[in-house]
């Protein structure tokens, strides 16, 4: 979860409210 947080912060991943991941 922390790794995903970082990748969202880097603008590489997008995460929806239900936890679904997609590429930015």
PDBML (XML) file of the C-alpha atoms, coordinates in Angstrom:
<?xml version="1.0" encoding="UTF-8" ?>
<PDBx:datablock datablockName="MODEL"
   xmlns:PDBx="http://pdbml.pdb.org/schema/pdbx-v50.xsd"
   xmlns:xsi="http://www.w3.org/2001/XMLSchema-instance"
   xsi:schemaLocation="http://pdbml.pdb.org/schema/pdbx-v50.xsd pdbx-v50.xsd">
   <PDBx:atom_siteCategory>
      <PDBx:atom_site id="1">
         <PDBx:B_iso_or_equiv>0.00</PDBx:B_iso_or_equiv>
         <PDBx:Cartn_x>0.000</PDBx:Cartn_x>
         <PDBx:Cartn_y>0.000</PDBx:Cartn_y>
         <PDBx:Cartn_z>0.000</PDBx:Cartn_z>
         <PDBx:auth_asym_id>A</PDBx:auth_asym_id>
         <PDBx:auth_atom_id>CA</PDBx:auth_atom_id>
         <PDBx:auth_comp_id>UNK</PDBx:auth_comp_id>
         <PDBx:auth_seq_id>1</PDBx:auth_seq_id>
         <PDBx:group_PDB>ATOM</PDBx:group_PDB>
         <PDBx:label_alt_id xsi:nil="true" />
         <PDBx:label_asym_id>A</PDBx:label_asym_id>
         <PDBx:label_atom_id>CA</PDBx:label_atom_id>
         <PDBx:label_comp_id>UNK</PDBx:label_comp_id>
         <PDBx:label_entity_id>1</PDBx:label_entity_id>
         <PDBx:label_seq_id>1</PDBx:label_seq_id>
         <PDBx:occupancy>1.00</PDBx:occupancy>
         <PDBx:pdbx_PDB_model_num>1</PDBx:pdbx_PDB_model_num>
         <PDBx:type_symbol>C</PDBx:type_symbol>
      </PDBx:atom_site>
      <PDBx:atom_site id="2">
         <PDBx:B_iso_or_equiv>0.00</PDBx:B_iso_or_equiv>
         <PDBx:Cartn_x>2.846</PDBx:Cartn_x>
         <PDBx:Cartn_y>2.388</PDBx:Cartn_y>
         <PDBx:Cartn_z>0.798</PDBx:Cartn_z>
         <PDBx:auth_asym_id>A</PDBx:auth_asym_id>
         <PDBx:auth_atom_id>CA</PDBx:auth_atom_id>
         <PDBx:auth_comp_id>UNK</PDBx:auth_comp_id>
         <PDBx:auth_seq_id>2</PDBx:auth_seq_id>
         <PDBx:group_PDB>ATOM</PDBx:group_PDB>
         <PDBx:label_alt_id xsi:nil="true" />
         <PDBx:label_asym_id>A</PDBx:label_asym_id>
         <PDBx:label_atom_id>CA</PDBx:label_atom_id>
         <PDBx:label_comp_id>UNK</PDBx:label_comp_id>
         <PDBx:label_entity_id>1</PDBx:label_entity_id>
         <PDBx:label_seq_id>2</PDBx:label_seq_id>
         <PDBx:occupancy>1.00</PDBx:occupancy>
         <PDBx:pdbx_PDB_model_num>1</PDBx:pdbx_PDB_model_num>
         <PDBx:type_symbol>C</PDBx:type_symbol>
      </PDBx:atom_site>
      <PDBx:atom_site id="3">
         <PDBx:B_iso_or_equiv>0.00</PDBx:B_iso_or_equiv>
         <PDBx:Cartn_x>4.556</PDBx:Cartn_x>
         <PDBx:Cartn_y>1.552</PDBx:Cartn_y>
         <PDBx:Cartn_z>-2.492</PDBx:Cartn_z>
         <PDBx:auth_asym_id>A</PDBx:auth_asym_id>
         <PDBx:auth_atom_id>CA</PDBx:auth_atom_id>
         <PDBx:auth_comp_id>UNK</PDBx:auth_comp_id>
         <PDBx:auth_seq_id>3</PDBx:auth_seq_id>
         <PDBx:group_PDB>ATOM</PDBx:group_PDB>
         <PDBx:label_alt_id xsi:nil="true" />
         <PDBx:label_asym_id>A</PDBx:label_asym_id>
         <PDBx:label_atom_id>CA</PDBx:label_atom_id>
         <PDBx:label_comp_id>UNK</PDBx:label_comp_id>
         <PDBx:label_entity_id>1</PDBx:label_entity_id>
         <PDBx:label_seq_id>3</PDBx:label_seq_id>
         <PDBx:occupancy>1.00</PDBx:occupancy>
         <PDBx:pdbx_PDB_model_num>1</PDBx:pdbx_PDB_model_num>
         <PDBx:type_symbol>C</PDBx:type_symbol>
      </PDBx:atom_site>
      <PDBx:atom_site id="4">
         <PDBx:B_iso_or_equiv>0.00</PDBx:B_iso_or_equiv>
         <PDBx:Cartn_x>1.340</PDBx:Cartn_x>
         <PDBx:Cartn_y>2.283</PDBx:Cartn_y>
         <PDBx:Cartn_z>-4.381</PDBx:Cartn_z>
         <PDBx:auth_asym_id>A</PDBx:auth_asym_id>
         <PDBx:auth_atom_id>CA</PDBx:auth_atom_id>
         <PDBx:auth_comp_id>UNK</PDBx:auth_comp_id>
         <PDBx:auth_seq_id>4</PDBx:auth_seq_id>
         <PDBx:group_PDB>ATOM</PDBx:group_PDB>
         <PDBx:label_alt_id xsi:nil="true" />
         <PDBx:label_asym_id>A</PDBx:label_asym_id>
         <PDBx:label_atom_id>CA</PDBx:label_atom_id>
         <PDBx:label_comp_id>UNK</PDBx:label_comp_id>
         <PDBx:label_entity_id>1</PDBx:label_entity_id>
         <PDBx:label_seq_id>4</PDBx:label_seq_id>
         <PDBx:occupancy>1.00</PDBx:occupancy>
         <PDBx:pdbx_PDB_model_num>1</PDBx:pdbx_PDB_model_num>
         <PDBx:type_symbol>C</PDBx:type_symbol>
      </PDBx:atom_site>
      <PDBx:atom_site id="5">
         <PDBx:B_iso_or_equiv>0.00</PDBx:B_iso_or_equiv>
         <PDBx:Cartn_x>1.003</PDBx:Cartn_x>
         <PDBx:Cartn_y>5.552</PDBx:Cartn_y>
         <PDBx:Cartn_z>-2.456</PDBx:Cartn_z>
         <PDBx:auth_asym_id>A</PDBx:auth_asym_id>
         <PDBx:auth_atom_id>CA</PDBx:auth_atom_id>
         <PDBx:auth_comp_id>UNK</PDBx:auth_comp_id>
         <PDBx:auth_seq_id>5</PDBx:auth_seq_id>
         <PDBx:group_PDB>ATOM</PDBx:group_PDB>
         <PDBx:label_alt_id xsi:nil="true" />
         <PDBx:label_asym_id>A</PDBx:label_asym_id>
         <PDBx:label_atom_id>CA</PDBx:label_atom_id>
         <PDBx:label_comp_id>UNK</PDBx:label_comp_id>
         <PDBx:label_entity_id>1</PDBx:label_entity_id>
         <PDBx:label_seq_id>5</PDBx:label_seq_id>
         <PDBx:occupancy>1.00</PDBx:occupancy>
         <PDBx:pdbx_PDB_model_num>1</PDBx:pdbx_PDB_model_num>
         <PDBx:type_symbol>C</PDBx:type_symbol>
      </PDBx:atom_site>
      <PDBx:atom_site id="6">
         <PDBx:B_iso_or_equiv>0.00</PDBx:B_iso_or_equiv>
         <PDBx:Cartn_x>4.441</PDBx:Cartn_x>
         <PDBx:Cartn_y>6.576</PDBx:Cartn_y>
         <PDBx:Cartn_z>-3.723</PDBx:Cartn_z>
         <PDBx:auth_asym_id>A</PDBx:auth_asym_id>
         <PDBx:auth_atom_id>CA</PDBx:auth_atom_id>
         <PDBx:auth_comp_id>UNK</PDBx:auth_comp_id>
         <PDBx:auth_seq_id>6</PDBx:auth_seq_id>
         <PDBx:group_PDB>ATOM</PDBx:group_PDB>
         <PDBx:label_alt_id xsi:nil="true" />
         <PDBx:label_asym_id>A</PDBx:label_asym_id>
         <PDBx:label_atom_id>CA</PDBx:label_atom_id>
         <PDBx:label_comp_id>UNK</PDBx:label_comp_id>
         <PDBx:label_entity_id>1</PDBx:label_entity_id>
         <PDBx:label_seq_id>6</PDBx:label_seq_id>
         <PDBx:occupancy>1.00</PDBx:occupancy>
         <PDBx:pdbx_PDB_model_num>1</PDBx:pdbx_PDB_model_num>
         <PDBx:type_symbol>C</PDBx:type_symbol>
      </PDBx:atom_site>
      <PDBx:atom_site id="7">
         <PDBx:B_iso_or_equiv>0.00</PDBx:B_iso_or_equiv>
         <PDBx:Cartn_x>3.688</PDBx:Cartn_x>
         <PDBx:Cartn_y>5.613</PDBx:Cartn_y>
         <PDBx:Cartn_z>-7.296</PDBx:Cartn_z>
         <PDBx:auth_asym_id>A</PDBx:auth_asym_id>
         <PDBx:auth_atom_id>CA</PDBx:auth_atom_id>
         <PDBx:auth_comp_id>UNK</PDBx:auth_comp_id>
         <PDBx:auth_seq_id>7</PDBx:auth_seq_id>
         <PDBx:group_PDB>ATOM</PDBx:group_PDB>
         <PDBx:label_alt_id xsi:nil="true" />
         <PDBx:label_asym_id>A</PDBx:label_asym_id>
         <PDBx:label_atom_id>CA</PDBx:label_atom_id>
         <PDBx:label_comp_id>UNK</PDBx:label_comp_id>
         <PDBx:label_entity_id>1</PDBx:label_entity_id>
         <PDBx:label_seq_id>7</PDBx:label_seq_id>
         <PDBx:occupancy>1.00</PDBx:occupancy>
         <PDBx:pdbx_PDB_model_num>1</PDBx:pdbx_PDB_model_num>
         <PDBx:type_symbol>C</PDBx:type_symbol>
      </PDBx:atom_site>
      <PDBx:atom_site id="8">
         <PDBx:B_iso_or_equiv>0.00</PDBx:B_iso_or_equiv>
         <PDBx:Cartn_x>0.449</PDBx:Cartn_x>
         <PDBx:Cartn_y>7.584</PDBx:Cartn_y>
         <PDBx:Cartn_z>-7.189</PDBx:Cartn_z>
         <PDBx:auth_asym_id>A</PDBx:auth_asym_id>
         <PDBx:auth_atom_id>CA</PDBx:auth_atom_id>
         <PDBx:auth_comp_id>UNK</PDBx:auth_comp_id>
         <PDBx:auth_seq_id>8</PDBx:auth_seq_id>
         <PDBx:group_PDB>ATOM</PDBx:group_PDB>
         <PDBx:label_alt_id xsi:nil="true" />
         <PDBx:label_asym_id>A</PDBx:label_asym_id>
         <PDBx:label_atom_id>CA</PDBx:label_atom_id>
         <PDBx:label_comp_id>UNK</PDBx:label_comp_id>
         <PDBx:label_entity_id>1</PDBx:label_entity_id>
         <PDBx:label_seq_id>8</PDBx:label_seq_id>
         <PDBx:occupancy>1.00</PDBx:occupancy>
         <PDBx:pdbx_PDB_model_num>1</PDBx:pdbx_PDB_model_num>
         <PDBx:type_symbol>C</PDBx:type_symbol>
      </PDBx:atom_site>
      <PDBx:atom_site id="9">
         <PDBx:B_iso_or_equiv>0.00</PDBx:B_iso_or_equiv>
         <PDBx:Cartn_x>2.400</PDBx:Cartn_x>
         <PDBx:Cartn_y>10.544</PDBx:Cartn_y>
         <PDBx:Cartn_z>-5.777</PDBx:Cartn_z>
         <PDBx:auth_asym_id>A</PDBx:auth_asym_id>
         <PDBx:auth_atom_id>CA</PDBx:auth_atom_id>
         <PDBx:auth_comp_id>UNK</PDBx:auth_comp_id>
         <PDBx:auth_seq_id>9</PDBx:auth_seq_id>
         <PDBx:group_PDB>ATOM</PDBx:group_PDB>
         <PDBx:label_alt_id xsi:nil="true" />
         <PDBx:label_asym_id>A</PDBx:label_asym_id>
         <PDBx:label_atom_id>CA</PDBx:label_atom_id>
         <PDBx:label_comp_id>UNK</PDBx:label_comp_id>
         <PDBx:label_entity_id>1</PDBx:label_entity_id>
         <PDBx:label_seq_id>9</PDBx:label_seq_id>
         <PDBx:occupancy>1.00</PDBx:occupancy>
         <PDBx:pdbx_PDB_model_num>1</PDBx:pdbx_PDB_model_num>
         <PDBx:type_symbol>C</PDBx:type_symbol>
      </PDBx:atom_site>
      <PDBx:atom_site id="10">
         <PDBx:B_iso_or_equiv>0.00</PDBx:B_iso_or_equiv>
         <PDBx:Cartn_x>4.945</PDBx:Cartn_x>
         <PDBx:Cartn_y>10.223</PDBx:Cartn_y>
         <PDBx:Cartn_z>-8.599</PDBx:Cartn_z>
         <PDBx:auth_asym_id>A</PDBx:auth_asym_id>
         <PDBx:auth_atom_id>CA</PDBx:auth_atom_id>
         <PDBx:auth_comp_id>UNK</PDBx:auth_comp_id>
         <PDBx:auth_seq_id>10</PDBx:auth_seq_id>
         <PDBx:group_PDB>ATOM</PDBx:group_PDB>
         <PDBx:label_alt_id xsi:nil="true" />
         <PDBx:label_asym_id>A</PDBx:label_asym_id>
         <PDBx:label_atom_id>CA</PDBx:label_atom_id>
         <PDBx:label_comp_id>UNK</PDBx:label_comp_id>
         <PDBx:label_entity_id>1</PDBx:label_entity_id>
         <PDBx:label_seq_id>10</PDBx:label_seq_id>
         <PDBx:occupancy>1.00</PDBx:occupancy>
         <PDBx:pdbx_PDB_model_num>1</PDBx:pdbx_PDB_model_num>
         <PDBx:type_symbol>C</PDBx:type_symbol>
      </PDBx:atom_site>
      <PDBx:atom_site id="11">
         <PDBx:B_iso_or_equiv>0.00</PDBx:B_iso_or_equiv>
         <PDBx:Cartn_x>2.073</PDBx:Cartn_x>
         <PDBx:Cartn_y>10.495</PDBx:Cartn_y>
         <PDBx:Cartn_z>-11.061</PDBx:Cartn_z>
         <PDBx:auth_asym_id>A</PDBx:auth_asym_id>
         <PDBx:auth_atom_id>CA</PDBx:auth_atom_id>
         <PDBx:auth_comp_id>UNK</PDBx:auth_comp_id>
         <PDBx:auth_seq_id>11</PDBx:auth_seq_id>
         <PDBx:group_PDB>ATOM</PDBx:group_PDB>
         <PDBx:label_alt_id xsi:nil="true" />
         <PDBx:label_asym_id>A</PDBx:label_asym_id>
         <PDBx:label_atom_id>CA</PDBx:label_atom_id>
         <PDBx:label_comp_id>UNK</PDBx:label_comp_id>
         <PDBx:label_entity_id>1</PDBx:label_entity_id>
         <PDBx:label_seq_id>11</PDBx:label_seq_id>
         <PDBx:occupancy>1.00</PDBx:occupancy>
         <PDBx:pdbx_PDB_model_num>1</PDBx:pdbx_PDB_model_num>
         <PDBx:type_symbol>C</PDBx:type_symbol>
      </PDBx:atom_site>
      <PDBx:atom_site id="12">
         <PDBx:B_iso_or_equiv>0.00</PDBx:B_iso_or_equiv>
         <PDBx:Cartn_x>2.617</PDBx:Cartn_x>
         <PDBx:Cartn_y>7.006</PDBx:Cartn_y>
         <PDBx:Cartn_z>-12.502</PDBx:Cartn_z>
         <PDBx:auth_asym_id>A</PDBx:auth_asym_id>
         <PDBx:auth_atom_id>CA</PDBx:auth_atom_id>
         <PDBx:auth_comp_id>UNK</PDBx:auth_comp_id>
         <PDBx:auth_seq_id>12</PDBx:auth_seq_id>
         <PDBx:group_PDB>ATOM</PDBx:group_PDB>
         <PDBx:label_alt_id xsi:nil="true" />
         <PDBx:label_asym_id>A</PDBx:label_asym_id>
         <PDBx:label_atom_id>CA</PDBx:label_atom_id>
         <PDBx:label_comp_id>UNK</PDBx:label_comp_id>
         <PDBx:label_entity_id>1</PDBx:label_entity_id>
         <PDBx:label_seq_id>12</PDBx:label_seq_id>
         <PDBx:occupancy>1.00</PDBx:occupancy>
         <PDBx:pdbx_PDB_model_num>1</PDBx:pdbx_PDB_model_num>
         <PDBx:type_symbol>C</PDBx:type_symbol>
      </PDBx:atom_site>
      <PDBx:atom_site id="13">
         <PDBx:B_iso_or_equiv>0.00</PDBx:B_iso_or_equiv>
         <PDBx:Cartn_x>-0.444</PDBx:Cartn_x>
         <PDBx:Cartn_y>5.224</PDBx:Cartn_y>
         <PDBx:Cartn_z>-11.113</PDBx:Cartn_z>
         <PDBx:auth_asym_id>A</PDBx:auth_asym_id>
         <PDBx:auth_atom_id>CA</PDBx:auth_atom_id>
         <PDBx:auth_comp_id>UNK</PDBx:auth_comp_id>
         <PDBx:auth_seq_id>13</PDBx:auth_seq_id>
         <PDBx:group_PDB>ATOM</PDBx:group_PDB>
         <PDBx:label_alt_id xsi:nil="true" />
         <PDBx:label_asym_id>A</PDBx:label_asym_id>
         <PDBx:label_atom_id>CA</PDBx:label_atom_id>
         <PDBx:label_comp_id>UNK</PDBx:label_comp_id>
         <PDBx:label_entity_id>1</PDBx:label_entity_id>
         <PDBx:label_seq_id>13</PDBx:label_seq_id>
         <PDBx:occupancy>1.00</PDBx:occupancy>
         <PDBx:pdbx_PDB_model_num>1</PDBx:pdbx_PDB_model_num>
         <PDBx:type_symbol>C</PDBx:type_symbol>
      </PDBx:atom_site>
      <PDBx:atom_site id="14">
         <PDBx:B_iso_or_equiv>0.00</PDBx:B_iso_or_equiv>
         <PDBx:Cartn_x>-4.018</PDBx:Cartn_x>
         <PDBx:Cartn_y>6.313</PDBx:Cartn_y>
         <PDBx:Cartn_z>-10.549</PDBx:Cartn_z>
         <PDBx:auth_asym_id>A</PDBx:auth_asym_id>
         <PDBx:auth_atom_id>CA</PDBx:auth_atom_id>
         <PDBx:auth_comp_id>UNK</PDBx:auth_comp_id>
         <PDBx:auth_seq_id>14</PDBx:auth_seq_id>
         <PDBx:group_PDB>ATOM</PDBx:group_PDB>
         <PDBx:label_alt_id xsi:nil="true" />
         <PDBx:label_asym_id>A</PDBx:label_asym_id>
         <PDBx:label_atom_id>CA</PDBx:label_atom_id>
         <PDBx:label_comp_id>UNK</PDBx:label_comp_id>
         <PDBx:label_entity_id>1</PDBx:label_entity_id>
         <PDBx:label_seq_id>14</PDBx:label_seq_id>
         <PDBx:occupancy>1.00</PDBx:occupancy>
         <PDBx:pdbx_PDB_model_num>1</PDBx:pdbx_PDB_model_num>
         <PDBx:type_symbol>C</PDBx:type_symbol>
      </PDBx:atom_site>
      <PDBx:atom_site id="15">
         <PDBx:B_iso_or_equiv>0.00</PDBx:B_iso_or_equiv>
         <PDBx:Cartn_x>-6.101</PDBx:Cartn_x>
         <PDBx:Cartn_y>4.733</PDBx:Cartn_y>
         <PDBx:Cartn_z>-7.800</PDBx:Cartn_z>
         <PDBx:auth_asym_id>A</PDBx:auth_asym_id>
         <PDBx:auth_atom_id>CA</PDBx:auth_atom_id>
         <PDBx:auth_comp_id>UNK</PDBx:auth_comp_id>
         <PDBx:auth_seq_id>15</PDBx:auth_seq_id>
         <PDBx:group_PDB>ATOM</PDBx:group_PDB>
         <PDBx:label_alt_id xsi:nil="true" />
         <PDBx:label_asym_id>A</PDBx:label_asym_id>
         <PDBx:label_atom_id>CA</PDBx:label_atom_id>
         <PDBx:label_comp_id>UNK</PDBx:label_comp_id>
         <PDBx:label_entity_id>1</PDBx:label_entity_id>
         <PDBx:label_seq_id>15</PDBx:label_seq_id>
         <PDBx:occupancy>1.00</PDBx:occupancy>
         <PDBx:pdbx_PDB_model_num>1</PDBx:pdbx_PDB_model_num>
         <PDBx:type_symbol>C</PDBx:type_symbol>
      </PDBx:atom_site>
      <PDBx:atom_site id="16">
         <PDBx:B_iso_or_equiv>0.00</PDBx:B_iso_or_equiv>
         <PDBx:Cartn_x>-9.872</PDBx:Cartn_x>
         <PDBx:Cartn_y>4.937</PDBx:Cartn_y>
         <PDBx:Cartn_z>-7.568</PDBx:Cartn_z>
         <PDBx:auth_asym_id>A</PDBx:auth_asym_id>
         <PDBx:auth_atom_id>CA</PDBx:auth_atom_id>
         <PDBx:auth_comp_id>UNK</PDBx:auth_comp_id>
         <PDBx:auth_seq_id>16</PDBx:auth_seq_id>
         <PDBx:group_PDB>ATOM</PDBx:group_PDB>
         <PDBx:label_alt_id xsi:nil="true" />
         <PDBx:label_asym_id>A</PDBx:label_asym_id>
         <PDBx:label_atom_id>CA</PDBx:label_atom_id>
         <PDBx:label_comp_id>UNK</PDBx:label_comp_id>
         <PDBx:label_entity_id>1</PDBx:label_entity_id>
         <PDBx:label_seq_id>16</PDBx:label_seq_id>
         <PDBx:occupancy>1.00</PDBx:occupancy>
         <PDBx:pdbx_PDB_model_num>1</PDBx:pdbx_PDB_model_num>
         <PDBx:type_symbol>C</PDBx:type_symbol>
      </PDBx:atom_site>
      <PDBx:atom_site id="17">
         <PDBx:B_iso_or_equiv>0.00</PDBx:B_iso_or_equiv>
         <PDBx:Cartn_x>-11.840</PDBx:Cartn_x>
         <PDBx:Cartn_y>5.022</PDBx:Cartn_y>
         <PDBx:Cartn_z>-4.338</PDBx:Cartn_z>
         <PDBx:auth_asym_id>A</PDBx:auth_asym_id>
         <PDBx:auth_atom_id>CA</PDBx:auth_atom_id>
         <PDBx:auth_comp_id>UNK</PDBx:auth_comp_id>
         <PDBx:auth_seq_id>17</PDBx:auth_seq_id>
         <PDBx:group_PDB>ATOM</PDBx:group_PDB>
         <PDBx:label_alt_id xsi:nil="true" />
         <PDBx:label_asym_id>A</PDBx:label_asym_id>
         <PDBx:label_atom_id>CA</PDBx:label_atom_id>
         <PDBx:label_comp_id>UNK</PDBx:label_comp_id>
         <PDBx:label_entity_id>1</PDBx:label_entity_id>
         <PDBx:label_seq_id>17</PDBx:label_seq_id>
         <PDBx:occupancy>1.00</PDBx:occupancy>
         <PDBx:pdbx_PDB_model_num>1</PDBx:pdbx_PDB_model_num>
         <PDBx:type_symbol>C</PDBx:type_symbol>
      </PDBx:atom_site>
      <PDBx:atom_site id="18">
         <PDBx:B_iso_or_equiv>0.00</PDBx:B_iso_or_equiv>
         <PDBx:Cartn_x>-12.378</PDBx:Cartn_x>
         <PDBx:Cartn_y>1.244</PDBx:Cartn_y>
         <PDBx:Cartn_z>-4.419</PDBx:Cartn_z>
         <PDBx:auth_asym_id>A</PDBx:auth_asym_id>
         <PDBx:auth_atom_id>CA</PDBx:auth_atom_id>
         <PDBx:auth_comp_id>UNK</PDBx:auth_comp_id>
         <PDBx:auth_seq_id>18</PDBx:auth_seq_id>
         <PDBx:group_PDB>ATOM</PDBx:group_PDB>
         <PDBx:label_alt_id xsi:nil="true" />
         <PDBx:label_asym_id>A</PDBx:label_asym_id>
         <PDBx:label_atom_id>CA</PDBx:label_atom_id>
         <PDBx:label_comp_id>UNK</PDBx:label_comp_id>
         <PDBx:label_entity_id>1</PDBx:label_entity_id>
         <PDBx:label_seq_id>18</PDBx:label_seq_id>
         <PDBx:occupancy>1.00</PDBx:occupancy>
         <PDBx:pdbx_PDB_model_num>1</PDBx:pdbx_PDB_model_num>
         <PDBx:type_symbol>C</PDBx:type_symbol>
      </PDBx:atom_site>
      <PDBx:atom_site id="19">
         <PDBx:B_iso_or_equiv>0.00</PDBx:B_iso_or_equiv>
         <PDBx:Cartn_x>-8.646</PDBx:Cartn_x>
         <PDBx:Cartn_y>0.570</PDBx:Cartn_y>
         <PDBx:Cartn_z>-4.819</PDBx:Cartn_z>
         <PDBx:auth_asym_id>A</PDBx:auth_asym_id>
         <PDBx:auth_atom_id>CA</PDBx:auth_atom_id>
         <PDBx:auth_comp_id>UNK</PDBx:auth_comp_id>
         <PDBx:auth_seq_id>19</PDBx:auth_seq_id>
         <PDBx:group_PDB>ATOM</PDBx:group_PDB>
         <PDBx:label_alt_id xsi:nil="true" />
         <PDBx:label_asym_id>A</PDBx:label_asym_id>
         <PDBx:label_atom_id>CA</PDBx:label_atom_id>
         <PDBx:label_comp_id>UNK</PDBx:label_comp_id>
         <PDBx:label_entity_id>1</PDBx:label_entity_id>
         <PDBx:label_seq_id>19</PDBx:label_seq_id>
         <PDBx:occupancy>1.00</PDBx:occupancy>
         <PDBx:pdbx_PDB_model_num>1</PDBx:pdbx_PDB_model_num>
         <PDBx:type_symbol>C</PDBx:type_symbol>
      </PDBx:atom_site>
      <PDBx:atom_site id="20">
         <PDBx:B_iso_or_equiv>0.00</PDBx:B_iso_or_equiv>
         <PDBx:Cartn_x>-8.668</PDBx:Cartn_x>
         <PDBx:Cartn_y>-0.136</PDBx:Cartn_y>
         <PDBx:Cartn_z>-8.559</PDBx:Cartn_z>
         <PDBx:auth_asym_id>A</PDBx:auth_asym_id>
         <PDBx:auth_atom_id>CA</PDBx:auth_atom_id>
         <PDBx:auth_comp_id>UNK</PDBx:auth_comp_id>
         <PDBx:auth_seq_id>20</PDBx:auth_seq_id>
         <PDBx:group_PDB>ATOM</PDBx:group_PDB>
         <PDBx:label_alt_id xsi:nil="true" />
         <PDBx:label_asym_id>A</PDBx:label_asym_id>
         <PDBx:label_atom_id>CA</PDBx:label_atom_id>
         <PDBx:label_comp_id>UNK</PDBx:label_comp_id>
         <PDBx:label_entity_id>1</PDBx:label_entity_id>
         <PDBx:label_seq_id>20</PDBx:label_seq_id>
         <PDBx:occupancy>1.00</PDBx:occupancy>
         <PDBx:pdbx_PDB_model_num>1</PDBx:pdbx_PDB_model_num>
         <PDBx:type_symbol>C</PDBx:type_symbol>
      </PDBx:atom_site>
      <PDBx:atom_site id="21">
         <PDBx:B_iso_or_equiv>0.00</PDBx:B_iso_or_equiv>
         <PDBx:Cartn_x>-5.353</PDBx:Cartn_x>
         <PDBx:Cartn_y>0.771</PDBx:Cartn_y>
         <PDBx:Cartn_z>-10.205</PDBx:Cartn_z>
         <PDBx:auth_asym_id>A</PDBx:auth_asym_id>
         <PDBx:auth_atom_id>CA</PDBx:auth_atom_id>
         <PDBx:auth_comp_id>UNK</PDBx:auth_comp_id>
         <PDBx:auth_seq_id>21</PDBx:auth_seq_id>
         <PDBx:group_PDB>ATOM</PDBx:group_PDB>
         <PDBx:label_alt_id xsi:nil="true" />
         <PDBx:label_asym_id>A</PDBx:label_asym_id>
         <PDBx:label_atom_id>CA</PDBx:label_atom_id>
         <PDBx:label_comp_id>UNK</PDBx:label_comp_id>
         <PDBx:label_entity_id>1</PDBx:label_entity_id>
         <PDBx:label_seq_id>21</PDBx:label_seq_id>
         <PDBx:occupancy>1.00</PDBx:occupancy>
         <PDBx:pdbx_PDB_model_num>1</PDBx:pdbx_PDB_model_num>
         <PDBx:type_symbol>C</PDBx:type_symbol>
      </PDBx:atom_site>
      <PDBx:atom_site id="22">
         <PDBx:B_iso_or_equiv>0.00</PDBx:B_iso_or_equiv>
         <PDBx:Cartn_x>-4.745</PDBx:Cartn_x>
         <PDBx:Cartn_y>2.192</PDBx:Cartn_y>
         <PDBx:Cartn_z>-13.656</PDBx:Cartn_z>
         <PDBx:auth_asym_id>A</PDBx:auth_asym_id>
         <PDBx:auth_atom_id>CA</PDBx:auth_atom_id>
         <PDBx:auth_comp_id>UNK</PDBx:auth_comp_id>
         <PDBx:auth_seq_id>22</PDBx:auth_seq_id>
         <PDBx:group_PDB>ATOM</PDBx:group_PDB>
         <PDBx:label_alt_id xsi:nil="true" />
         <PDBx:label_asym_id>A</PDBx:label_asym_id>
         <PDBx:label_atom_id>CA</PDBx:label_atom_id>
         <PDBx:label_comp_id>UNK</PDBx:label_comp_id>
         <PDBx:label_entity_id>1</PDBx:label_entity_id>
         <PDBx:label_seq_id>22</PDBx:label_seq_id>
         <PDBx:occupancy>1.00</PDBx:occupancy>
         <PDBx:pdbx_PDB_model_num>1</PDBx:pdbx_PDB_model_num>
         <PDBx:type_symbol>C</PDBx:type_symbol>
      </PDBx:atom_site>
      <PDBx:atom_site id="23">
         <PDBx:B_iso_or_equiv>0.00</PDBx:B_iso_or_equiv>
         <PDBx:Cartn_x>-1.828</PDBx:Cartn_x>
         <PDBx:Cartn_y>3.860</PDBx:Cartn_y>
         <PDBx:Cartn_z>-15.397</PDBx:Cartn_z>
         <PDBx:auth_asym_id>A</PDBx:auth_asym_id>
         <PDBx:auth_atom_id>CA</PDBx:auth_atom_id>
         <PDBx:auth_comp_id>UNK</PDBx:auth_comp_id>
         <PDBx:auth_seq_id>23</PDBx:auth_seq_id>
         <PDBx:group_PDB>ATOM</PDBx:group_PDB>
         <PDBx:label_alt_id xsi:nil="true" />
         <PDBx:label_asym_id>A</PDBx:label_asym_id>
         <PDBx:label_atom_id>CA</PDBx:label_atom_id>
         <PDBx:label_comp_id>UNK</PDBx:label_comp_id>
         <PDBx:label_entity_id>1</PDBx:label_entity_id>
         <PDBx:label_seq_id>23</PDBx:label_seq_id>
         <PDBx:occupancy>1.00</PDBx:occupancy>
         <PDBx:pdbx_PDB_model_num>1</PDBx:pdbx_PDB_model_num>
         <PDBx:type_symbol>C</PDBx:type_symbol>
      </PDBx:atom_site>
      <PDBx:atom_site id="24">
         <PDBx:B_iso_or_equiv>0.00</PDBx:B_iso_or_equiv>
         <PDBx:Cartn_x>-1.672</PDBx:Cartn_x>
         <PDBx:Cartn_y>7.630</PDBx:Cartn_y>
         <PDBx:Cartn_z>-15.572</PDBx:Cartn_z>
         <PDBx:auth_asym_id>A</PDBx:auth_asym_id>
         <PDBx:auth_atom_id>CA</PDBx:auth_atom_id>
         <PDBx:auth_comp_id>UNK</PDBx:auth_comp_id>
         <PDBx:auth_seq_id>24</PDBx:auth_seq_id>
         <PDBx:group_PDB>ATOM</PDBx:group_PDB>
         <PDBx:label_alt_id xsi:nil="true" />
         <PDBx:label_asym_id>A</PDBx:label_asym_id>
         <PDBx:label_atom_id>CA</PDBx:label_atom_id>
         <PDBx:label_comp_id>UNK</PDBx:label_comp_id>
         <PDBx:label_entity_id>1</PDBx:label_entity_id>
         <PDBx:label_seq_id>24</PDBx:label_seq_id>
         <PDBx:occupancy>1.00</PDBx:occupancy>
         <PDBx:pdbx_PDB_model_num>1</PDBx:pdbx_PDB_model_num>
         <PDBx:type_symbol>C</PDBx:type_symbol>
      </PDBx:atom_site>
   </PDBx:atom_siteCategory>
</PDBx:datablock>
